[in-house]
Amino acid sequence: IEGLTVSVFEIINHFFGESVTVSGLLTAQDLEAQLKGKDLGDALLISENMLRDGEEIFLDDVTLSQLSERLNIPIFANRTDGFDLFERMIGE
């Protein structure tokens, strides 16, 4: 995709411990602490399994909109199958 730049950030799980490596157990506080001050581009895309099922709330009770405000960037939760990630990348 012409002009598209994608950055991938490693997030270490300090909340549950560094040996926990699944995205479904990441918290907003770990995301905030490790992404604050970085160039995040125009939007932050995360896996929807980082949120409680059917809600826009992380396991540490921070909402998606609260984290978006704290990082000053729109955040979108994507399905784990990758289809909506692709659609967002091509602008659909």
PDB file of N, CA and C in Angstrom:
ATOM      1  N   ILE A   1       0.866  -1.169   0.000  1.00  0.00           N
ATOM      2  CA  ILE A   1       0.000   0.000   0.000  1.00  0.00           C
ATOM      3  C   ILE A   1       0.909   1.227   0.000  1.00  0.00           C
ATOM      4  N   GLU A   2       0.805   2.001  -1.045  1.00  0.00           N
ATOM      5  CA  GLU A   2       1.689   3.150  -1.216  1.00  0.00           C
ATOM      6  C   GLU A   2       1.513   4.165  -0.087  1.00  0.00           C
ATOM      7  N   GLY A   3       2.632   4.576   0.496  1.00  0.00           N
ATOM      8  CA  GLY A   3       2.624   5.597   1.543  1.00  0.00           C
ATOM      9  C   GLY A   3       2.287   5.093   2.936  1.00  0.00           C
ATOM     10  N   LEU A   4       1.977   3.817   3.066  1.00  0.00           N
ATOM     11  CA  LEU A   4       1.615   3.267   4.377  1.00  0.00           C
ATOM     12  C   LEU A   4       2.870   2.909   5.159  1.00  0.00           C
ATOM     13  N   THR A   5       2.919   3.371   6.387  1.00  0.00           N
ATOM     14  CA  THR A   5       3.994   2.994   7.298  1.00  0.00           C
ATOM     15  C   THR A   5       3.367   2.309   8.505  1.00  0.00           C
ATOM     16  N   VAL A   6       3.874   1.155   8.857  1.00  0.00           N
ATOM     17  CA  VAL A   6       3.360   0.395   9.992  1.00  0.00           C
ATOM     18  C   VAL A   6       4.497   0.161  10.972  1.00  0.00           C
ATOM     19  N   SER A   7       4.235   0.421  12.240  1.00  0.00           N
ATOM     20  CA  SER A   7       5.208   0.142  13.301  1.00  0.00           C
ATOM     21  C   SER A   7       4.604  -0.878  14.251  1.00  0.00           C
ATOM     22  N   VAL A   8       5.407  -1.819  14.670  1.00  0.00           N
ATOM     23  CA  VAL A   8       4.981  -2.831  15.634  1.00  0.00           C
ATOM     24  C   VAL A   8       5.775  -2.602  16.911  1.00  0.00           C
ATOM     25  N   PHE A   9       5.064  -2.555  18.037  1.00  0.00           N
ATOM     26  CA  PHE A   9       5.703  -2.307  19.325  1.00  0.00           C
ATOM     27  C   PHE A   9       5.569  -3.531  20.218  1.00  0.00           C
ATOM     28  N   GLU A  10       6.674  -3.957  20.780  1.00  0.00           N
ATOM     29  CA  GLU A  10       6.649  -5.032  21.772  1.00  0.00           C
ATOM     30  C   GLU A  10       6.187  -4.437  23.097  1.00  0.00           C
ATOM     31  N   ILE A  11       5.205  -5.084  23.723  1.00  0.00           N
ATOM     32  CA  ILE A  11       4.723  -4.655  25.036  1.00  0.00           C
ATOM     33  C   ILE A  11       5.005  -5.777  26.026  1.00  0.00           C
ATOM     34  N   ILE A  12       5.743  -5.458  27.062  1.00  0.00           N
ATOM     35  CA  ILE A  12       6.062  -6.429  28.114  1.00  0.00           C
ATOM     36  C   ILE A  12       4.962  -6.368  29.167  1.00  0.00           C
ATOM     37  N   ASN A  13       4.487  -7.526  29.570  1.00  0.00           N
ATOM     38  CA  ASN A  13       3.399  -7.611  30.535  1.00  0.00           C
ATOM     39  C   ASN A  13       3.955  -7.508  31.957  1.00  0.00           C
ATOM     40  N   HIS A  14       3.961  -6.303  32.489  1.00  0.00           N
ATOM     41  CA  HIS A  14       4.406  -6.104  33.866  1.00  0.00           C
ATOM     42  C   HIS A  14       3.284  -6.389  34.861  1.00  0.00           C
ATOM     43  N   PHE A  15       2.034  -6.238  34.419  1.00  0.00           N
ATOM     44  CA  PHE A  15       0.884  -6.428  35.307  1.00  0.00           C
ATOM     45  C   PHE A  15       0.799  -7.873  35.797  1.00  0.00           C
ATOM     46  N   PHE A  16       0.874  -8.823  34.887  1.00  0.00           N
ATOM     47  CA  PHE A  16       0.777 -10.239  35.246  1.00  0.00           C
ATOM     48  C   PHE A  16       2.134 -10.931  35.302  1.00  0.00           C
ATOM     49  N   GLY A  17       3.179 -10.264  34.823  1.00  0.00           N
ATOM     50  CA  GLY A  17       4.519 -10.839  34.837  1.00  0.00           C
ATOM     51  C   GLY A  17       5.071 -11.016  33.436  1.00  0.00           C
ATOM     52  N   GLU A  18       6.371 -10.835  33.321  1.00  0.00           N
ATOM     53  CA  GLU A  18       7.025 -10.873  32.016  1.00  0.00           C
ATOM     54  C   GLU A  18       6.940 -12.225  31.323  1.00  0.00           C
ATOM     55  N   SER A  19       6.657 -13.289  32.075  1.00  0.00           N
ATOM     56  CA  SER A  19       6.541 -14.607  31.447  1.00  0.00           C
ATOM     57  C   SER A  19       5.197 -14.784  30.739  1.00  0.00           C
ATOM     58  N   VAL A  20       4.249 -13.878  30.984  1.00  0.00           N
ATOM     59  CA  VAL A  20       2.943 -13.929  30.324  1.00  0.00           C
ATOM     60  C   VAL A  20       3.079 -13.212  28.987  1.00  0.00           C
ATOM     61  N   THR A  21       2.889 -13.948  27.906  1.00  0.00           N
ATOM     62  CA  THR A  21       3.171 -13.391  26.576  1.00  0.00           C
ATOM     63  C   THR A  21       1.969 -13.404  25.636  1.00  0.00           C
ATOM     64  N   VAL A  22       0.766 -13.522  26.161  1.00  0.00           N
ATOM     65  CA  VAL A  22      -0.429 -13.509  25.309  1.00  0.00           C
ATOM     66  C   VAL A  22      -1.049 -12.115  25.315  1.00  0.00           C
ATOM     67  N   SER A  23      -1.513 -11.667  24.174  1.00  0.00           N
ATOM     68  CA  SER A  23      -2.073 -10.315  24.073  1.00  0.00           C
ATOM     69  C   SER A  23      -3.355 -10.155  24.880  1.00  0.00           C
ATOM     70  N   GLY A  24      -4.086 -11.227  25.106  1.00  0.00           N
ATOM     71  CA  GLY A  24      -5.336 -11.151  25.852  1.00  0.00           C
ATOM     72  C   GLY A  24      -5.172 -10.803  27.317  1.00  0.00           C
ATOM     73  N   LEU A  25      -3.948 -10.810  27.822  1.00  0.00           N
ATOM     74  CA  LEU A  25      -3.707 -10.454  29.220  1.00  0.00           C
ATOM     75  C   LEU A  25      -2.914  -9.158  29.363  1.00  0.00           C
ATOM     76  N   LEU A  26      -2.833  -8.371  28.297  1.00  0.00           N
ATOM     77  CA  LEU A  26      -2.196  -7.057  28.403  1.00  0.00           C
ATOM     78  C   LEU A  26      -3.183  -6.055  28.983  1.00  0.00           C
ATOM     79  N   THR A  27      -2.672  -5.113  29.736  1.00  0.00           N
ATOM     80  CA  THR A  27      -3.519  -4.100  30.361  1.00  0.00           C
ATOM     81  C   THR A  27      -3.231  -2.727  29.769  1.00  0.00           C
ATOM     82  N   ALA A  28      -4.170  -1.822  29.984  1.00  0.00           N
ATOM     83  CA  ALA A  28      -4.006  -0.447  29.508  1.00  0.00           C
ATOM     84  C   ALA A  28      -2.798   0.208  30.154  1.00  0.00           C
ATOM     85  N   GLN A  29      -2.555  -0.110  31.431  1.00  0.00           N
ATOM     86  CA  GLN A  29      -1.418   0.542  32.093  1.00  0.00           C
ATOM     87  C   GLN A  29      -0.084   0.103  31.502  1.00  0.00           C
ATOM     88  N   ASP A  30       0.030  -1.145  31.065  1.00  0.00           N
ATOM     89  CA  ASP A  30       1.256  -1.578  30.387  1.00  0.00           C
ATOM     90  C   ASP A  30       1.382  -0.909  29.021  1.00  0.00           C
ATOM     91  N   LEU A  31       0.283  -0.822  28.286  1.00  0.00           N
ATOM     92  CA  LEU A  31       0.311  -0.142  26.994  1.00  0.00           C
ATOM     93  C   LEU A  31       0.701   1.320  27.165  1.00  0.00           C
ATOM     94  N   GLU A  32       0.064   2.000  28.104  1.00  0.00           N
ATOM     95  CA  GLU A  32       0.342   3.419  28.322  1.00  0.00           C
ATOM     96  C   GLU A  32       1.797   3.654  28.722  1.00  0.00           C
ATOM     97  N   ALA A  33       2.280   2.887  29.680  1.00  0.00           N
ATOM     98  CA  ALA A  33       3.642   3.086  30.186  1.00  0.00           C
ATOM     99  C   ALA A  33       4.691   2.874  29.102  1.00  0.00           C
ATOM    100  N   GLN A  34       4.436   1.927  28.207  1.00  0.00           N
ATOM    101  CA  GLN A  34       5.448   1.584  27.217  1.00  0.00           C
ATOM    102  C   GLN A  34       5.282   2.297  25.871  1.00  0.00           C
ATOM    103  N   LEU A  35       4.122   2.919  25.658  1.00  0.00           N
ATOM    104  CA  LEU A  35       3.899   3.626  24.396  1.00  0.00           C
ATOM    105  C   LEU A  35       3.926   5.145  24.540  1.00  0.00           C
ATOM    106  N   LYS A  36       3.755   5.634  25.758  1.00  0.00           N
ATOM    107  CA  LYS A  36       3.729   7.088  25.990  1.00  0.00           C
ATOM    108  C   LYS A  36       5.025   7.718  25.486  1.00  0.00           C
ATOM    109  N   GLY A  37       4.879   8.786  24.715  1.00  0.00           N
ATOM    110  CA  GLY A  37       6.035   9.503  24.207  1.00  0.00           C
ATOM    111  C   GLY A  37       6.622   8.952  22.917  1.00  0.00           C
ATOM    112  N   LYS A  38       6.109   7.814  22.440  1.00  0.00           N
ATOM    113  CA  LYS A  38       6.598   7.250  21.176  1.00  0.00           C
ATOM    114  C   LYS A  38       5.779   7.812  20.017  1.00  0.00           C
ATOM    115  N   ASP A  39       6.374   7.839  18.854  1.00  0.00           N
ATOM    116  CA  ASP A  39       5.655   8.250  17.654  1.00  0.00           C
ATOM    117  C   ASP A  39       4.744   7.097  17.237  1.00  0.00           C
ATOM    118  N   LEU A  40       3.457   7.263  17.488  1.00  0.00           N
ATOM    119  CA  LEU A  40       2.489   6.203  17.222  1.00  0.00           C
ATOM    120  C   LEU A  40       1.775   6.381  15.889  1.00  0.00           C
ATOM    121  N   GLY A  41       2.129   7.415  15.155  1.00  0.00           N
ATOM    122  CA  GLY A  41       1.498   7.637  13.858  1.00  0.00           C
ATOM    123  C   GLY A  41       0.123   8.255  13.995  1.00  0.00           C
ATOM    124  N   ASP A  42      -0.787   7.854  13.099  1.00  0.00           N
ATOM    125  CA  ASP A  42      -2.129   8.438  13.039  1.00  0.00           C
ATOM    126  C   ASP A  42      -3.155   7.671  13.862  1.00  0.00           C
ATOM    127  N   ALA A  43      -2.884   6.414  14.156  1.00  0.00           N
ATOM    128  CA  ALA A  43      -3.830   5.586  14.910  1.00  0.00           C
ATOM    129  C   ALA A  43      -3.080   4.406  15.504  1.00  0.00           C
ATOM    130  N   LEU A  44      -3.652   3.863  16.576  1.00  0.00           N
ATOM    131  CA  LEU A  44      -3.102   2.676  17.223  1.00  0.00           C
ATOM    132  C   LEU A  44      -4.105   1.548  17.046  1.00  0.00           C
ATOM    133  N   LEU A  45      -3.649   0.442  16.493  1.00  0.00           N
ATOM    134  CA  LEU A  45      -4.501  -0.722  16.283  1.00  0.00           C
ATOM    135  C   LEU A  45      -4.092  -1.802  17.271  1.00  0.00           C
ATOM    136  N   ILE A  46      -5.072  -2.308  18.006  1.00  0.00           N
ATOM    137  CA  ILE A  46      -4.814  -3.368  18.980  1.00  0.00           C
ATOM    138  C   ILE A  46      -5.725  -4.551  18.683  1.00  0.00           C
ATOM    139  N   SER A  47      -5.399  -5.678  19.244  1.00  0.00           N
ATOM    140  CA  SER A  47      -6.248  -6.855  19.116  1.00  0.00           C
ATOM    141  C   SER A  47      -7.425  -6.731  20.077  1.00  0.00           C
ATOM    142  N   GLU A  48      -8.628  -7.080  19.600  1.00  0.00           N
ATOM    143  CA  GLU A  48      -9.813  -6.969  20.443  1.00  0.00           C
ATOM    144  C   GLU A  48      -9.736  -7.881  21.670  1.00  0.00           C
ATOM    145  N   ASN A  49      -8.882  -8.910  21.629  1.00  0.00           N
ATOM    146  CA  ASN A  49      -8.800  -9.800  22.789  1.00  0.00           C
ATOM    147  C   ASN A  49      -8.072  -9.160  23.970  1.00  0.00           C
ATOM    148  N   MET A  50      -7.559  -7.933  23.795  1.00  0.00           N
ATOM    149  CA  MET A  50      -7.007  -7.180  24.923  1.00  0.00           C
ATOM    150  C   MET A  50      -8.119  -6.586  25.786  1.00  0.00           C
ATOM    151  N   LEU A  51      -9.344  -6.617  25.266  1.00  0.00           N
ATOM    152  CA  LEU A  51     -10.490  -6.036  25.962  1.00  0.00           C
ATOM    153  C   LEU A  51     -11.393  -7.138  26.495  1.00  0.00           C
ATOM    154  N   ARG A  52     -12.173  -6.796  27.508  1.00  0.00           N
ATOM    155  CA  ARG A  52     -13.161  -7.752  28.016  1.00  0.00           C
ATOM    156  C   ARG A  52     -14.150  -8.080  26.906  1.00  0.00           C
ATOM    157  N   ASP A  53     -14.619  -9.303  26.892  1.00  0.00           N
ATOM    158  CA  ASP A  53     -15.508  -9.781  25.843  1.00  0.00           C
ATOM    159  C   ASP A  53     -16.749  -8.895  25.718  1.00  0.00           C
ATOM    160  N   GLY A  54     -16.944  -8.331  24.538  1.00  0.00           N
ATOM    161  CA  GLY A  54     -18.123  -7.516  24.272  1.00  0.00           C
ATOM    162  C   GLY A  54     -18.081  -6.113  24.850  1.00  0.00           C
ATOM    163  N   GLU A  55     -16.947  -5.710  25.421  1.00  0.00           N
ATOM    164  CA  GLU A  55     -16.831  -4.390  26.044  1.00  0.00           C
ATOM    165  C   GLU A  55     -15.564  -3.698  25.551  1.00  0.00           C
ATOM    166  N   GLU A  56     -15.507  -2.405  25.752  1.00  0.00           N
ATOM    167  CA  GLU A  56     -14.304  -1.638  25.417  1.00  0.00           C
ATOM    168  C   GLU A  56     -13.556  -1.286  26.695  1.00  0.00           C
ATOM    169  N   ILE A  57     -13.306  -2.326  27.510  1.00  0.00           N
ATOM    170  CA  ILE A  57     -12.648  -2.152  28.806  1.00  0.00           C
ATOM    171  C   ILE A  57     -11.517  -3.174  28.930  1.00  0.00           C
ATOM    172  N   PHE A  58     -10.346  -2.689  29.315  1.00  0.00           N
ATOM    173  CA  PHE A  58      -9.201  -3.567  29.561  1.00  0.00           C
ATOM    174  C   PHE A  58      -9.359  -4.270  30.909  1.00  0.00           C
ATOM    175  N   LEU A  59      -8.529  -5.267  31.169  1.00  0.00           N
ATOM    176  CA  LEU A  59      -8.598  -6.028  32.419  1.00  0.00           C
ATOM    177  C   LEU A  59      -8.323  -5.181  33.656  1.00  0.00           C
ATOM    178  N   ASP A  60      -7.657  -4.042  33.490  1.00  0.00           N
ATOM    179  CA  ASP A  60      -7.386  -3.158  34.631  1.00  0.00           C
ATOM    180  C   ASP A  60      -8.429  -2.046  34.762  1.00  0.00           C
ATOM    181  N   ASP A  61      -9.599  -2.248  34.155  1.00  0.00           N
ATOM    182  CA  ASP A  61     -10.760  -1.349  34.253  1.00  0.00           C
ATOM    183  C   ASP A  61     -10.582   0.004  33.579  1.00  0.00           C
ATOM    184  N   VAL A  62      -9.613   0.134  32.706  1.00  0.00           N
ATOM    185  CA  VAL A  62      -9.439   1.352  31.912  1.00  0.00           C
ATOM    186  C   VAL A  62     -10.186   1.139  30.598  1.00  0.00           C
ATOM    187  N   THR A  63     -10.950   2.160  30.182  1.00  0.00           N
ATOM    188  CA  THR A  63     -11.685   2.029  28.930  1.00  0.00           C
ATOM    189  C   THR A  63     -10.786   2.349  27.742  1.00  0.00           C
ATOM    190  N   LEU A  64     -11.214   1.898  26.593  1.00  0.00           N
ATOM    191  CA  LEU A  64     -10.488   2.181  25.362  1.00  0.00           C
ATOM    192  C   LEU A  64     -10.401   3.689  25.130  1.00  0.00           C
ATOM    193  N   SER A  65     -11.484   4.404  25.393  1.00  0.00           N
ATOM    194  CA  SER A  65     -11.474   5.859  25.197  1.00  0.00           C
ATOM    195  C   SER A  65     -10.553   6.558  26.198  1.00  0.00           C
ATOM    196  N   GLN A  66     -10.473   6.053  27.422  1.00  0.00           N
ATOM    197  CA  GLN A  66      -9.550   6.644  28.403  1.00  0.00           C
ATOM    198  C   GLN A  66      -8.101   6.490  27.942  1.00  0.00           C
ATOM    199  N   LEU A  67      -7.748   5.299  27.471  1.00  0.00           N
ATOM    200  CA  LEU A  67      -6.382   5.083  26.988  1.00  0.00           C
ATOM    201  C   LEU A  67      -6.111   5.942  25.756  1.00  0.00           C
ATOM    202  N   SER A  68      -7.095   6.063  24.895  1.00  0.00           N
ATOM    203  CA  SER A  68      -6.957   6.902  23.713  1.00  0.00           C
ATOM    204  C   SER A  68      -6.662   8.351  24.102  1.00  0.00           C
ATOM    205  N   GLU A  69      -7.363   8.855  25.096  1.00  0.00           N
ATOM    206  CA  GLU A  69      -7.119  10.217  25.585  1.00  0.00           C
ATOM    207  C   GLU A  69      -5.727  10.339  26.196  1.00  0.00           C
ATOM    208  N   ARG A  70      -5.326   9.358  26.974  1.00  0.00           N
ATOM    209  CA  ARG A  70      -4.018   9.401  27.646  1.00  0.00           C
ATOM    210  C   ARG A  70      -2.857   9.378  26.653  1.00  0.00           C
ATOM    211  N   LEU A  71      -3.030   8.630  25.569  1.00  0.00           N
ATOM    212  CA  LEU A  71      -1.972   8.536  24.561  1.00  0.00           C
ATOM    213  C   LEU A  71      -2.153   9.561  23.438  1.00  0.00           C
ATOM    214  N   ASN A  72      -3.287  10.251  23.475  1.00  0.00           N
ATOM    215  CA  ASN A  72      -3.593  11.288  22.484  1.00  0.00           C
ATOM    216  C   ASN A  72      -3.573  10.743  21.051  1.00  0.00           C
ATOM    217  N   ILE A  73      -4.268   9.612  20.869  1.00  0.00           N
ATOM    218  CA  ILE A  73      -4.323   8.979  19.551  1.00  0.00           C
ATOM    219  C   ILE A  73      -5.591   8.127  19.469  1.00  0.00           C
ATOM    220  N   PRO A  74      -6.238   8.067  18.306  1.00  0.00           N
ATOM    221  CA  PRO A  74      -7.369   7.144  18.166  1.00  0.00           C
ATOM    222  C   PRO A  74      -6.876   5.697  18.267  1.00  0.00           C
ATOM    223  N   ILE A  75      -7.639   4.883  18.979  1.00  0.00           N
ATOM    224  CA  ILE A  75      -7.283   3.466  19.132  1.00  0.00           C
ATOM    225  C   ILE A  75      -8.441   2.627  18.611  1.00  0.00           C
ATOM    226  N   PHE A  76      -8.126   1.643  17.799  1.00  0.00           N
ATOM    227  CA  PHE A  76      -9.130   0.758  17.229  1.00  0.00           C
ATOM    228  C   PHE A  76      -8.814  -0.679  17.616  1.00  0.00           C
ATOM    229  N   ALA A  77      -9.826  -1.387  18.109  1.00  0.00           N
ATOM    230  CA  ALA A  77      -9.674  -2.802  18.449  1.00  0.00           C
ATOM    231  C   ALA A  77     -10.057  -3.623  17.223  1.00  0.00           C
ATOM    232  N   ASN A  78      -9.156  -4.470  16.783  1.00  0.00           N
ATOM    233  CA  ASN A  78      -9.369  -5.287  15.594  1.00  0.00           C
ATOM    234  C   ASN A  78      -9.630  -6.734  15.961  1.00  0.00           C
ATOM    235  N   ARG A  79     -10.500  -7.362  15.160  1.00  0.00           N
ATOM    236  CA  ARG A  79     -10.748  -8.792  15.346  1.00  0.00           C
ATOM    237  C   ARG A  79      -9.437  -9.556  15.168  1.00  0.00           C
ATOM    238  N   THR A  80      -9.345 -10.681  15.777  1.00  0.00           N
ATOM    239  CA  THR A  80      -8.104 -11.455  15.716  1.00  0.00           C
ATOM    240  C   THR A  80      -7.911 -12.174  14.384  1.00  0.00           C
ATOM    241  N   ASP A  81      -8.948 -12.206  13.531  1.00  0.00           N
ATOM    242  CA  ASP A  81      -8.798 -12.878  12.235  1.00  0.00           C
ATOM    243  C   ASP A  81      -8.030 -12.042  11.214  1.00  0.00           C
ATOM    244  N   GLY A  82      -7.852 -10.759  11.479  1.00  0.00           N
ATOM    245  CA  GLY A  82      -7.044  -9.910  10.617  1.00  0.00           C
ATOM    246  C   GLY A  82      -7.775  -9.220   9.484  1.00  0.00           C
ATOM    247  N   PHE A  83      -9.032  -9.589   9.215  1.00  0.00           N
ATOM    248  CA  PHE A  83      -9.734  -8.978   8.091  1.00  0.00           C
ATOM    249  C   PHE A  83      -9.977  -7.487   8.292  1.00  0.00           C
ATOM    250  N   ASP A  84     -10.437  -7.082   9.473  1.00  0.00           N
ATOM    251  CA  ASP A  84     -10.685  -5.650   9.664  1.00  0.00           C
ATOM    252  C   ASP A  84      -9.378  -4.867   9.789  1.00  0.00           C
ATOM    253  N   LEU A  85      -8.308  -5.520  10.205  1.00  0.00           N
ATOM    254  CA  LEU A  85      -6.994  -4.868  10.193  1.00  0.00           C
ATOM    255  C   LEU A  85      -6.632  -4.486   8.759  1.00  0.00           C
ATOM    256  N   PHE A  86      -6.799  -5.413   7.847  1.00  0.00           N
ATOM    257  CA  PHE A  86      -6.520  -5.146   6.436  1.00  0.00           C
ATOM    258  C   PHE A  86      -7.427  -4.038   5.908  1.00  0.00           C
ATOM    259  N   GLU A  87      -8.717  -4.087   6.241  1.00  0.00           N
ATOM    260  CA  GLU A  87      -9.652  -3.062   5.780  1.00  0.00           C
ATOM    261  C   GLU A  87      -9.265  -1.685   6.298  1.00  0.00           C
ATOM    262  N   ARG A  88      -8.836  -1.589   7.549  1.00  0.00           N
ATOM    263  CA  ARG A  88      -8.401  -0.298   8.093  1.00  0.00           C
ATOM    264  C   ARG A  88      -7.148   0.200   7.376  1.00  0.00           C
ATOM    265  N   MET A  89      -6.267  -0.713   7.058  1.00  0.00           N
ATOM    266  CA  MET A  89      -5.020  -0.324   6.402  1.00  0.00           C
ATOM    267  C   MET A  89      -5.260   0.210   4.995  1.00  0.00           C
ATOM    268  N   ILE A  90      -6.259  -0.330   4.292  1.00  0.00           N
ATOM    269  CA  ILE A  90      -6.531   0.150   2.938  1.00  0.00           C
ATOM    270  C   ILE A  90      -7.591   1.245   2.924  1.00  0.00           C
ATOM    271  N   GLY A  91      -8.099   1.611   4.103  1.00  0.00           N
ATOM    272  CA  GLY A  91      -9.017   2.735   4.202  1.00  0.00           C
ATOM    273  C   GLY A  91     -10.468   2.427   3.936  1.00  0.00           C
ATOM    274  N   GLU A  92     -10.903   1.206   4.143  1.00  0.00           N
ATOM    275  CA  GLU A  92     -12.320   0.861   3.947  1.00  0.00           C
ATOM    276  C   GLU A  92     -13.071   0.877   5.251  1.00  0.00           C
TER     277      GLU A  92
END
